């Protein structure tokens, strides 16, 4: 699935041509997810969003509406999933996945000697 940024989605809304847009992804819950939710409601373009932590802990306004409408949501920890699922109507919590930030040091090691 190809995704596009919010600006082309908004342009599609303005001109009524959404046939080439496959989906939209936005980073952070507020305000990008609100904007893409509006685009989704105007056009039915599927969307997803990431919720990193500061945005979940600061303001969870309309969180369940965003999760419910989204194709999927991603966050950075199991703890964040537990916060997010408390806000979800039943059945929508399976749309949330975890992608941890950082580097797995078991897979990527710093060389002992740098040239």
Protein backbone atom coordinates (compact mmCIF):
# COMPACT_ATOMS: atom_id res chain seq x y z
CA UNK A 1 0.00 0.00 0.00
CA UNK A 2 1.36 3.40 -0.94
CA UNK A 3 0.84 6.23 1.48
CA UNK A 4 0.95 9.95 1.03
CA UNK A 5 1.44 12.92 3.30
CA UNK A 6 -1.35 15.05 4.66
CA UNK A 7 -0.86 17.97 2.26
CA UNK A 8 -1.58 15.93 -0.89
CA UNK A 9 -4.59 14.42 0.87
CA UNK A 10 -5.94 17.87 1.61
CA UNK A 11 -5.35 18.89 -1.99
CA UNK A 12 -7.31 15.83 -3.09
CA UNK A 13 -10.17 16.88 -0.83
CA UNK A 14 -10.13 20.37 -2.30
CA UNK A 15 -10.17 19.12 -5.90
CA UNK A 16 -12.27 16.01 -5.35
CA UNK A 17 -9.71 13.61 -6.85
CA UNK A 18 -8.92 10.85 -4.36
CA UNK A 19 -8.69 7.93 -6.78
CA UNK A 20 -4.87 7.70 -6.69
CA UNK A 21 -4.51 8.01 -2.90
CA UNK A 22 -4.22 4.64 -1.17
CA UNK A 23 -3.89 5.87 2.40
CA UNK A 24 -2.43 8.44 4.75
CA UNK A 25 -0.05 8.01 7.65
CA UNK A 26 0.55 10.67 10.25
CA UNK A 27 2.99 10.94 13.10
CA UNK A 28 1.66 11.92 16.49
CA UNK A 29 -1.81 11.91 17.91
CA UNK A 30 -2.44 15.65 18.16
CA UNK A 31 -3.01 17.61 15.90
CA UNK A 32 -1.97 15.53 12.84
CA UNK A 33 -4.34 12.67 13.68
CA UNK A 34 -7.23 15.11 13.99
CA UNK A 35 -6.45 16.54 10.55
CA UNK A 36 -6.18 13.12 8.93
CA UNK A 37 -9.38 11.99 10.67
CA UNK A 38 -11.15 14.95 9.06
CA UNK A 39 -9.68 14.03 5.67
CA UNK A 40 -10.84 10.44 6.20
CA UNK A 41 -14.37 11.54 7.04
CA UNK A 42 -14.50 13.77 3.96
CA UNK A 43 -13.02 11.25 1.53
CA UNK A 44 -13.01 7.75 3.14
CA UNK A 45 -9.24 7.59 2.46
CA UNK A 46 -7.88 5.07 5.00
CA UNK A 47 -5.35 6.35 7.51
CA UNK A 48 -3.11 5.29 10.35
CA UNK A 49 -1.21 7.16 13.03
CA UNK A 50 1.61 6.79 15.51
CA UNK A 51 1.31 7.72 19.17
CA UNK A 52 4.67 8.09 20.86
CA UNK A 53 3.95 8.87 24.48
CA UNK A 54 4.05 12.58 25.07
CA UNK A 55 0.92 12.94 22.96
CA UNK A 56 -0.94 10.10 24.72
CA UNK A 57 -0.05 11.32 28.20
CA UNK A 58 -0.86 14.96 27.41
CA UNK A 59 -4.25 14.72 25.74
CA UNK A 60 -6.37 11.69 24.82
CA UNK A 61 -9.26 13.73 23.42
CA UNK A 62 -11.10 11.73 20.74
CA UNK A 63 -8.58 8.90 21.04
CA UNK A 64 -11.15 6.15 20.68
CA UNK A 65 -12.70 7.89 17.66
CA UNK A 66 -9.29 8.06 15.99
CA UNK A 67 -8.49 4.42 16.73
CA UNK A 68 -11.93 3.30 15.64
CA UNK A 69 -11.70 5.15 12.33
CA UNK A 70 -8.05 4.27 11.64
CA UNK A 71 -6.91 1.24 9.68
CA UNK A 72 -4.31 0.76 12.42
CA UNK A 73 -2.35 2.67 15.05
CA UNK A 74 1.22 2.27 16.25
CA UNK A 75 2.77 3.18 19.57
CA UNK A 76 6.19 2.68 21.13
CA UNK A 77 5.49 0.54 24.21
CA UNK A 78 3.20 -1.98 25.82
CA UNK A 79 2.43 0.57 28.52
CA UNK A 80 1.11 2.97 25.87
CA UNK A 81 -1.05 0.20 24.42
CA UNK A 82 -2.59 -0.34 27.86
CA UNK A 83 -3.41 3.39 28.10
CA UNK A 84 -4.83 3.45 24.60
CA UNK A 85 -6.95 0.32 24.96
CA UNK A 86 -8.61 1.72 28.07
CA UNK A 87 -10.08 4.38 25.79
CA UNK A 88 -11.20 1.95 23.06
CA UNK A 89 -14.62 0.52 22.45
CA UNK A 90 -14.48 -3.25 22.45
CA UNK A 91 -12.99 -4.74 19.33
CA UNK A 92 -10.85 -1.79 18.28
CA UNK A 93 -7.92 -2.55 20.58
CA UNK A 94 -6.61 -5.12 18.08
CA UNK A 95 -5.77 -2.25 15.71
CA UNK A 96 -2.88 -1.06 17.91
CA UNK A 97 0.65 -2.43 17.44
CA UNK A 98 3.98 -1.69 19.11
CA UNK A 99 7.11 -0.66 17.26
CA UNK A 100 9.85 0.07 19.77
CA UNK A 101 12.12 3.04 19.15
CA UNK A 102 15.86 2.63 19.22
CA UNK A 103 18.41 0.12 18.06
CA UNK A 104 18.53 -3.54 19.02
CA UNK A 105 22.10 -3.79 20.32
CA UNK A 106 21.97 -7.57 19.99
CA UNK A 107 21.78 -7.12 16.22
CA UNK A 108 23.87 -3.98 15.75
CA UNK A 109 27.16 -3.77 17.59
CA UNK A 110 29.64 -0.93 17.64
CA UNK A 111 32.95 -2.12 16.18
CA UNK A 112 35.72 -2.38 18.74
CA UNK A 113 38.00 -0.29 16.64
CA UNK A 114 36.74 2.51 14.42
CA UNK A 115 38.86 3.41 11.39
